[in-house]
mmCIF file of all heavy atoms, coordinates in Angstrom:
data_MODEL
# 
_entry.id   MODEL 
# 
loop_
_atom_site.group_PDB 
_atom_site.id 
_atom_site.type_symbol 
_atom_site.label_atom_id 
_atom_site.label_alt_id 
_atom_site.label_comp_id 
_atom_site.label_asym_id 
_atom_site.label_entity_id 
_atom_site.label_seq_id 
_atom_site.pdbx_PDB_ins_code 
_atom_site.Cartn_x 
_atom_site.Cartn_y 
_atom_site.Cartn_z 
_atom_site.occupancy 
_atom_site.B_iso_or_equiv 
_atom_site.pdbx_formal_charge 
_atom_site.auth_seq_id 
_atom_site.auth_comp_id 
_atom_site.auth_asym_id 
_atom_site.auth_atom_id 
_atom_site.pdbx_PDB_model_num 
ATOM 1   N N   . ARG A 1 1  ? -3.372 -9.417  13.620  1.00 0.00 ? 1  ARG A N   1 
ATOM 2   C CA  . ARG A 1 1  ? -3.014 -10.756 13.038  1.00 0.00 ? 1  ARG A CA  1 
ATOM 3   C C   . ARG A 1 1  ? -2.990 -10.578 11.465  1.00 0.00 ? 1  ARG A C   1 
ATOM 4   O O   . ARG A 1 1  ? -2.171 -11.234 10.839  1.00 0.00 ? 1  ARG A O   1 
ATOM 5   C CB  . ARG A 1 1  ? -4.028 -11.770 13.415  1.00 0.00 ? 1  ARG A CB  1 
ATOM 6   C CG  . ARG A 1 1  ? -4.120 -12.000 14.938  1.00 0.00 ? 1  ARG A CG  1 
ATOM 7   C CD  . ARG A 1 1  ? -2.913 -12.726 15.418  1.00 0.00 ? 1  ARG A CD  1 
ATOM 8   N NE  . ARG A 1 1  ? -3.040 -12.870 16.863  1.00 0.00 ? 1  ARG A NE  1 
ATOM 9   C CZ  . ARG A 1 1  ? -1.996 -12.732 17.762  1.00 0.00 ? 1  ARG A CZ  1 
ATOM 10  N NH1 . ARG A 1 1  ? -0.850 -12.452 17.296  1.00 0.00 ? 1  ARG A NH1 1 
ATOM 11  N NH2 . ARG A 1 1  ? -2.206 -12.914 18.969  1.00 0.00 ? 1  ARG A NH2 1 
ATOM 12  N N   . LEU A 1 2  ? -3.847 -9.890  10.906  1.00 0.00 ? 2  LEU A N   1 
ATOM 13  C CA  . LEU A 1 2  ? -3.869 -9.658  9.438   1.00 0.00 ? 2  LEU A CA  1 
ATOM 14  C C   . LEU A 1 2  ? -2.554 -8.979  9.047   1.00 0.00 ? 2  LEU A C   1 
ATOM 15  O O   . LEU A 1 2  ? -1.943 -9.380  8.038   1.00 0.00 ? 2  LEU A O   1 
ATOM 16  C CB  . LEU A 1 2  ? -5.073 -8.821  9.008   1.00 0.00 ? 2  LEU A CB  1 
ATOM 17  C CG  . LEU A 1 2  ? -5.197 -8.582  7.538   1.00 0.00 ? 2  LEU A CG  1 
ATOM 18  C CD1 . LEU A 1 2  ? -5.268 -9.896  6.770   1.00 0.00 ? 2  LEU A CD1 1 
ATOM 19  C CD2 . LEU A 1 2  ? -6.341 -7.701  7.216   1.00 0.00 ? 2  LEU A CD2 1 
ATOM 20  N N   . VAL A 1 3  ? -2.116 -8.007  9.765   1.00 0.00 ? 3  VAL A N   1 
ATOM 21  C CA  . VAL A 1 3  ? -0.884 -7.288  9.462   1.00 0.00 ? 3  VAL A CA  1 
ATOM 22  C C   . VAL A 1 3  ? 0.336  -8.277  9.498   1.00 0.00 ? 3  VAL A C   1 
ATOM 23  O O   . VAL A 1 3  ? 1.209  -8.250  8.666   1.00 0.00 ? 3  VAL A O   1 
ATOM 24  C CB  . VAL A 1 3  ? -0.686 -6.022  10.365  1.00 0.00 ? 3  VAL A CB  1 
ATOM 25  C CG1 . VAL A 1 3  ? 0.676  -5.441  10.154  1.00 0.00 ? 3  VAL A CG1 1 
ATOM 26  C CG2 . VAL A 1 3  ? -1.789 -5.056  10.102  1.00 0.00 ? 3  VAL A CG2 1 
ATOM 27  N N   . THR A 1 4  ? 0.267  -9.096  10.559  1.00 0.00 ? 4  THR A N   1 
ATOM 28  C CA  . THR A 1 4  ? 1.374  -10.037 10.678  1.00 0.00 ? 4  THR A CA  1 
ATOM 29  C C   . THR A 1 4  ? 1.324  -11.087 9.608   1.00 0.00 ? 4  THR A C   1 
ATOM 30  O O   . THR A 1 4  ? 2.427  -11.416 9.048   1.00 0.00 ? 4  THR A O   1 
ATOM 31  C CB  . THR A 1 4  ? 1.187  -10.792 12.055  1.00 0.00 ? 4  THR A CB  1 
ATOM 32  O OG1 . THR A 1 4  ? 1.186  -9.812  13.094  1.00 0.00 ? 4  THR A OG1 1 
ATOM 33  C CG2 . THR A 1 4  ? 2.309  -11.728 12.341  1.00 0.00 ? 4  THR A CG2 1 
ATOM 34  N N   . ALA A 1 5  ? 0.135  -11.525 9.199   1.00 0.00 ? 5  ALA A N   1 
ATOM 35  C CA  . ALA A 1 5  ? 0.057  -12.504 8.112   1.00 0.00 ? 5  ALA A CA  1 
ATOM 36  C C   . ALA A 1 5  ? 0.591  -11.856 6.768   1.00 0.00 ? 5  ALA A C   1 
ATOM 37  O O   . ALA A 1 5  ? 1.292  -12.451 5.979   1.00 0.00 ? 5  ALA A O   1 
ATOM 38  C CB  . ALA A 1 5  ? -1.356 -12.949 7.945   1.00 0.00 ? 5  ALA A CB  1 
ATOM 39  N N   . CYS A 1 6  ? 0.241  -10.580 6.546   1.00 0.00 ? 6  CYS A N   1 
ATOM 40  C CA  . CYS A 1 6  ? 0.722  -9.962  5.317   1.00 0.00 ? 6  CYS A CA  1 
ATOM 41  C C   . CYS A 1 6  ? 2.174  -9.663  5.323   1.00 0.00 ? 6  CYS A C   1 
ATOM 42  O O   . CYS A 1 6  ? 2.882  -9.871  4.337   1.00 0.00 ? 6  CYS A O   1 
ATOM 43  C CB  . CYS A 1 6  ? -0.060 -8.595  5.133   1.00 0.00 ? 6  CYS A CB  1 
ATOM 44  S SG  . CYS A 1 6  ? -1.773 -8.763  4.775   1.00 0.00 ? 6  CYS A SG  1 
ATOM 45  N N   . ALA A 1 7  ? 2.734  -9.319  6.484   1.00 0.00 ? 7  ALA A N   1 
ATOM 46  C CA  . ALA A 1 7  ? 4.210  -9.158  6.608   1.00 0.00 ? 7  ALA A CA  1 
ATOM 47  C C   . ALA A 1 7  ? 4.913  -10.534 6.429   1.00 0.00 ? 7  ALA A C   1 
ATOM 48  O O   . ALA A 1 7  ? 5.916  -10.540 5.740   1.00 0.00 ? 7  ALA A O   1 
ATOM 49  C CB  . ALA A 1 7  ? 4.467  -8.557  8.013   1.00 0.00 ? 7  ALA A CB  1 
ATOM 50  N N   . GLY A 1 8  ? 4.338  -11.582 6.894   1.00 0.00 ? 8  GLY A N   1 
ATOM 51  C CA  . GLY A 1 8  ? 4.921  -12.884 6.692   1.00 0.00 ? 8  GLY A CA  1 
ATOM 52  C C   . GLY A 1 8  ? 4.897  -13.302 5.247   1.00 0.00 ? 8  GLY A C   1 
ATOM 53  O O   . GLY A 1 8  ? 5.905  -13.831 4.703   1.00 0.00 ? 8  GLY A O   1 
ATOM 54  N N   . ALA A 1 9  ? 3.817  -12.972 4.547   1.00 0.00 ? 9  ALA A N   1 
ATOM 55  C CA  . ALA A 1 9  ? 3.750  -13.304 3.106   1.00 0.00 ? 9  ALA A CA  1 
ATOM 56  C C   . ALA A 1 9  ? 4.711  -12.430 2.331   1.00 0.00 ? 9  ALA A C   1 
ATOM 57  O O   . ALA A 1 9  ? 5.352  -13.036 1.412   1.00 0.00 ? 9  ALA A O   1 
ATOM 58  C CB  . ALA A 1 9  ? 2.288  -13.074 2.654   1.00 0.00 ? 9  ALA A CB  1 
ATOM 59  N N   . ALA A 1 10 ? 4.855  -11.222 2.693   1.00 0.00 ? 10 ALA A N   1 
ATOM 60  C CA  . ALA A 1 10 ? 5.846  -10.343 2.018   1.00 0.00 ? 10 ALA A CA  1 
ATOM 61  C C   . ALA A 1 10 ? 7.257  -10.843 2.277   1.00 0.00 ? 10 ALA A C   1 
ATOM 62  O O   . ALA A 1 10 ? 8.093  -10.816 1.341   1.00 0.00 ? 10 ALA A O   1 
ATOM 63  C CB  . ALA A 1 10 ? 5.648  -8.873  2.484   1.00 0.00 ? 10 ALA A CB  1 
ATOM 64  N N   . LEU A 1 11 ? 7.570  -11.320 3.458   1.00 0.00 ? 11 LEU A N   1 
ATOM 65  C CA  . LEU A 1 11 ? 8.865  -11.811 3.783   1.00 0.00 ? 11 LEU A CA  1 
ATOM 66  C C   . LEU A 1 11 ? 9.116  -13.062 2.990   1.00 0.00 ? 11 LEU A C   1 
ATOM 67  O O   . LEU A 1 11 ? 10.235 -13.281 2.469   1.00 0.00 ? 11 LEU A O   1 
ATOM 68  C CB  . LEU A 1 11 ? 8.969  -12.113 5.303   1.00 0.00 ? 11 LEU A CB  1 
ATOM 69  C CG  . LEU A 1 11 ? 10.311 -12.633 5.783   1.00 0.00 ? 11 LEU A CG  1 
ATOM 70  C CD1 . LEU A 1 11 ? 11.367 -11.575 5.557   1.00 0.00 ? 11 LEU A CD1 1 
ATOM 71  C CD2 . LEU A 1 11 ? 10.248 -12.972 7.271   1.00 0.00 ? 11 LEU A CD2 1 
ATOM 72  N N   . LEU A 1 12 ? 8.151  -13.946 2.892   1.00 0.00 ? 12 LEU A N   1 
ATOM 73  C CA  . LEU A 1 12 ? 8.305  -15.184 2.085   1.00 0.00 ? 12 LEU A CA  1 
ATOM 74  C C   . LEU A 1 12 ? 8.540  -14.846 0.627   1.00 0.00 ? 12 LEU A C   1 
ATOM 75  O O   . LEU A 1 12 ? 9.427  -15.424 -0.052  1.00 0.00 ? 12 LEU A O   1 
ATOM 76  C CB  . LEU A 1 12 ? 7.038  -16.091 2.271   1.00 0.00 ? 12 LEU A CB  1 
ATOM 77  C CG  . LEU A 1 12 ? 7.044  -17.376 1.502   1.00 0.00 ? 12 LEU A CG  1 
ATOM 78  C CD1 . LEU A 1 12 ? 8.156  -18.303 1.967   1.00 0.00 ? 12 LEU A CD1 1 
ATOM 79  C CD2 . LEU A 1 12 ? 5.756  -18.031 1.591   1.00 0.00 ? 12 LEU A CD2 1 
ATOM 80  N N   . LEU A 1 13 ? 7.805  -13.915 0.053   1.00 0.00 ? 13 LEU A N   1 
ATOM 81  C CA  . LEU A 1 13 ? 8.002  -13.466 -1.261  1.00 0.00 ? 13 LEU A CA  1 
ATOM 82  C C   . LEU A 1 13 ? 9.376  -12.924 -1.483  1.00 0.00 ? 13 LEU A C   1 
ATOM 83  O O   . LEU A 1 13 ? 10.009 -13.222 -2.488  1.00 0.00 ? 13 LEU A O   1 
ATOM 84  C CB  . LEU A 1 13 ? 6.867  -12.507 -1.669  1.00 0.00 ? 13 LEU A CB  1 
ATOM 85  C CG  . LEU A 1 13 ? 6.955  -12.007 -3.134  1.00 0.00 ? 13 LEU A CG  1 
ATOM 86  C CD1 . LEU A 1 13 ? 6.654  -13.156 -4.082  1.00 0.00 ? 13 LEU A CD1 1 
ATOM 87  C CD2 . LEU A 1 13 ? 5.865  -10.892 -3.287  1.00 0.00 ? 13 LEU A CD2 1 
ATOM 88  N N   . GLY A 1 14 ? 9.843  -12.129 -0.576  1.00 0.00 ? 14 GLY A N   1 
ATOM 89  C CA  . GLY A 1 14 ? 11.171 -11.530 -0.654  1.00 0.00 ? 14 GLY A CA  1 
ATOM 90  C C   . GLY A 1 14 ? 12.276 -12.626 -0.589  1.00 0.00 ? 14 GLY A C   1 
ATOM 91  O O   . GLY A 1 14 ? 13.289 -12.567 -1.317  1.00 0.00 ? 14 GLY A O   1 
ATOM 92  N N   . ALA A 1 15 ? 12.045 -13.679 0.278   1.00 0.00 ? 15 ALA A N   1 
ATOM 93  C CA  . ALA A 1 15 ? 13.030 -14.749 0.367   1.00 0.00 ? 15 ALA A CA  1 
ATOM 94  C C   . ALA A 1 15 ? 13.085 -15.510 -0.950  1.00 0.00 ? 15 ALA A C   1 
ATOM 95  O O   . ALA A 1 15 ? 14.206 -15.959 -1.400  1.00 0.00 ? 15 ALA A O   1 
ATOM 96  C CB  . ALA A 1 15 ? 12.634 -15.698 1.529   1.00 0.00 ? 15 ALA A CB  1 
ATOM 97  N N   . VAL A 1 16 ? 11.960 -15.761 -1.548  1.00 0.00 ? 16 VAL A N   1 
ATOM 98  C CA  . VAL A 1 16 ? 11.894 -16.397 -2.870  1.00 0.00 ? 16 VAL A CA  1 
ATOM 99  C C   . VAL A 1 16 ? 12.657 -15.605 -3.894  1.00 0.00 ? 16 VAL A C   1 
ATOM 100 O O   . VAL A 1 16 ? 13.442 -16.115 -4.698  1.00 0.00 ? 16 VAL A O   1 
ATOM 101 C CB  . VAL A 1 16 ? 10.480 -16.767 -3.262  1.00 0.00 ? 16 VAL A CB  1 
ATOM 102 C CG1 . VAL A 1 16 ? 10.424 -17.204 -4.673  1.00 0.00 ? 16 VAL A CG1 1 
ATOM 103 C CG2 . VAL A 1 16 ? 9.870  -17.770 -2.319  1.00 0.00 ? 16 VAL A CG2 1 
ATOM 104 N N   . ALA A 1 17 ? 12.440 -14.338 -3.950  1.00 0.00 ? 17 ALA A N   1 
ATOM 105 C CA  . ALA A 1 17 ? 13.082 -13.463 -4.848  1.00 0.00 ? 17 ALA A CA  1 
ATOM 106 C C   . ALA A 1 17 ? 14.627 -13.438 -4.703  1.00 0.00 ? 17 ALA A C   1 
ATOM 107 O O   . ALA A 1 17 ? 15.350 -13.471 -5.630  1.00 0.00 ? 17 ALA A O   1 
ATOM 108 C CB  . ALA A 1 17 ? 12.546 -11.998 -4.788  1.00 0.00 ? 17 ALA A CB  1 
ATOM 109 N N   . VAL A 1 18 ? 15.076 -13.405 -3.470  1.00 0.00 ? 18 VAL A N   1 
ATOM 110 C CA  . VAL A 1 18 ? 16.482 -13.455 -3.096  1.00 0.00 ? 18 VAL A CA  1 
ATOM 111 C C   . VAL A 1 18 ? 17.027 -14.823 -3.595  1.00 0.00 ? 18 VAL A C   1 
ATOM 112 O O   . VAL A 1 18 ? 18.153 -14.864 -4.148  1.00 0.00 ? 18 VAL A O   1 
ATOM 113 C CB  . VAL A 1 18 ? 16.728 -13.263 -1.644  1.00 0.00 ? 18 VAL A CB  1 
ATOM 114 C CG1 . VAL A 1 18 ? 18.143 -13.606 -1.258  1.00 0.00 ? 18 VAL A CG1 1 
ATOM 115 C CG2 . VAL A 1 18 ? 16.471 -11.748 -1.286  1.00 0.00 ? 18 VAL A CG2 1 
ATOM 116 N N   . ALA A 1 19 ? 16.289 -15.893 -3.403  1.00 0.00 ? 19 ALA A N   1 
ATOM 117 C CA  . ALA A 1 19 ? 16.776 -17.216 -3.837  1.00 0.00 ? 19 ALA A CA  1 
ATOM 118 C C   . ALA A 1 19 ? 16.996 -17.277 -5.316  1.00 0.00 ? 19 ALA A C   1 
ATOM 119 O O   . ALA A 1 19 ? 17.915 -17.828 -5.819  1.00 0.00 ? 19 ALA A O   1 
ATOM 120 C CB  . ALA A 1 19 ? 15.778 -18.298 -3.402  1.00 0.00 ? 19 ALA A CB  1 
ATOM 121 N N   . PHE A 1 20 ? 16.034 -16.621 -6.066  1.00 0.00 ? 20 PHE A N   1 
ATOM 122 C CA  . PHE A 1 20 ? 16.165 -16.604 -7.542  1.00 0.00 ? 20 PHE A CA  1 
ATOM 123 C C   . PHE A 1 20 ? 17.408 -15.799 -8.013  1.00 0.00 ? 20 PHE A C   1 
ATOM 124 O O   . PHE A 1 20 ? 18.079 -16.154 -8.911  1.00 0.00 ? 20 PHE A O   1 
ATOM 125 C CB  . PHE A 1 20 ? 14.856 -16.050 -8.180  1.00 0.00 ? 20 PHE A CB  1 
ATOM 126 C CG  . PHE A 1 20 ? 13.806 -17.045 -8.395  1.00 0.00 ? 20 PHE A CG  1 
ATOM 127 C CD1 . PHE A 1 20 ? 12.597 -16.905 -7.767  1.00 0.00 ? 20 PHE A CD1 1 
ATOM 128 C CD2 . PHE A 1 20 ? 14.000 -18.203 -9.112  1.00 0.00 ? 20 PHE A CD2 1 
ATOM 129 C CE1 . PHE A 1 20 ? 11.610 -17.781 -7.972  1.00 0.00 ? 20 PHE A CE1 1 
ATOM 130 C CE2 . PHE A 1 20 ? 13.030 -19.177 -9.316  1.00 0.00 ? 20 PHE A CE2 1 
ATOM 131 C CZ  . PHE A 1 20 ? 11.859 -18.946 -8.734  1.00 0.00 ? 20 PHE A CZ  1 
ATOM 132 N N   . VAL A 1 21 ? 17.582 -14.658 -7.317  1.00 0.00 ? 21 VAL A N   1 
ATOM 133 C CA  . VAL A 1 21 ? 18.765 -13.876 -7.631  1.00 0.00 ? 21 VAL A CA  1 
ATOM 134 C C   . VAL A 1 21 ? 20.059 -14.580 -7.358  1.00 0.00 ? 21 VAL A C   1 
ATOM 135 O O   . VAL A 1 21 ? 20.966 -14.596 -8.165  1.00 0.00 ? 21 VAL A O   1 
ATOM 136 C CB  . VAL A 1 21 ? 18.680 -12.526 -6.907  1.00 0.00 ? 21 VAL A CB  1 
ATOM 137 C CG1 . VAL A 1 21 ? 19.997 -11.727 -7.006  1.00 0.00 ? 21 VAL A CG1 1 
ATOM 138 C CG2 . VAL A 1 21 ? 17.531 -11.637 -7.429  1.00 0.00 ? 21 VAL A CG2 1 
ATOM 139 N N   . LEU A 1 22 ? 20.149 -15.195 -6.210  1.00 0.00 ? 22 LEU A N   1 
ATOM 140 C CA  . LEU A 1 22 ? 21.342 -15.939 -5.889  1.00 0.00 ? 22 LEU A CA  1 
ATOM 141 C C   . LEU A 1 22 ? 21.589 -17.166 -6.823  1.00 0.00 ? 22 LEU A C   1 
ATOM 142 O O   . LEU A 1 22 ? 22.666 -17.555 -7.081  1.00 0.00 ? 22 LEU A O   1 
ATOM 143 C CB  . LEU A 1 22 ? 21.278 -16.425 -4.404  1.00 0.00 ? 22 LEU A CB  1 
ATOM 144 C CG  . LEU A 1 22 ? 21.344 -15.279 -3.381  1.00 0.00 ? 22 LEU A CG  1 
ATOM 145 C CD1 . LEU A 1 22 ? 21.224 -15.818 -1.967  1.00 0.00 ? 22 LEU A CD1 1 
ATOM 146 C CD2 . LEU A 1 22 ? 22.576 -14.444 -3.493  1.00 0.00 ? 22 LEU A CD2 1 
ATOM 147 N N   . ARG A 1 23 ? 20.530 -17.801 -7.212  1.00 0.00 ? 23 ARG A N   1 
ATOM 148 C CA  . ARG A 1 23 ? 20.607 -19.039 -8.053  1.00 0.00 ? 23 ARG A CA  1 
ATOM 149 C C   . ARG A 1 23 ? 21.029 -18.639 -9.493  1.00 0.00 ? 23 ARG A C   1 
ATOM 150 O O   . ARG A 1 23 ? 21.928 -19.270 -10.071 1.00 0.00 ? 23 ARG A O   1 
ATOM 151 C CB  . ARG A 1 23 ? 19.255 -19.745 -8.145  1.00 0.00 ? 23 ARG A CB  1 
ATOM 152 C CG  . ARG A 1 23 ? 19.367 -21.052 -8.902  1.00 0.00 ? 23 ARG A CG  1 
ATOM 153 C CD  . ARG A 1 23 ? 18.049 -21.597 -9.043  1.00 0.00 ? 23 ARG A CD  1 
ATOM 154 N NE  . ARG A 1 23 ? 17.263 -20.730 -9.963  1.00 0.00 ? 23 ARG A NE  1 
ATOM 155 C CZ  . ARG A 1 23 ? 16.227 -21.007 -10.660 1.00 0.00 ? 23 ARG A CZ  1 
ATOM 156 N NH1 . ARG A 1 23 ? 15.724 -22.190 -10.576 1.00 0.00 ? 23 ARG A NH1 1 
ATOM 157 N NH2 . ARG A 1 23 ? 15.622 -20.114 -11.429 1.00 0.00 ? 23 ARG A NH2 1 
ATOM 158 N N   . ASP A 1 24 ? 20.436 -17.570 -10.040 1.00 0.00 ? 24 ASP A N   1 
ATOM 159 C CA  . ASP A 1 24 ? 20.742 -17.254 -11.452 1.00 0.00 ? 24 ASP A CA  1 
ATOM 160 C C   . ASP A 1 24 ? 21.993 -16.411 -11.607 1.00 0.00 ? 24 ASP A C   1 
ATOM 161 O O   . ASP A 1 24 ? 22.619 -16.427 -12.530 1.00 0.00 ? 24 ASP A O   1 
ATOM 162 C CB  . ASP A 1 24 ? 19.510 -16.495 -12.082 1.00 0.00 ? 24 ASP A CB  1 
ATOM 163 C CG  . ASP A 1 24 ? 18.319 -17.457 -12.148 1.00 0.00 ? 24 ASP A CG  1 
ATOM 164 O OD1 . ASP A 1 24 ? 18.551 -18.716 -12.231 1.00 0.00 ? 24 ASP A OD1 1 
ATOM 165 O OD2 . ASP A 1 24 ? 17.165 -17.005 -12.256 1.00 0.00 ? 24 ASP A OD2 1 
# 
């Protein structure tokens, strides 16, 4: 479960980074 939570957090962080790149 910890690995899944960390992977989900990394995915969320990556999605936010992609959103910034697409926006700017």
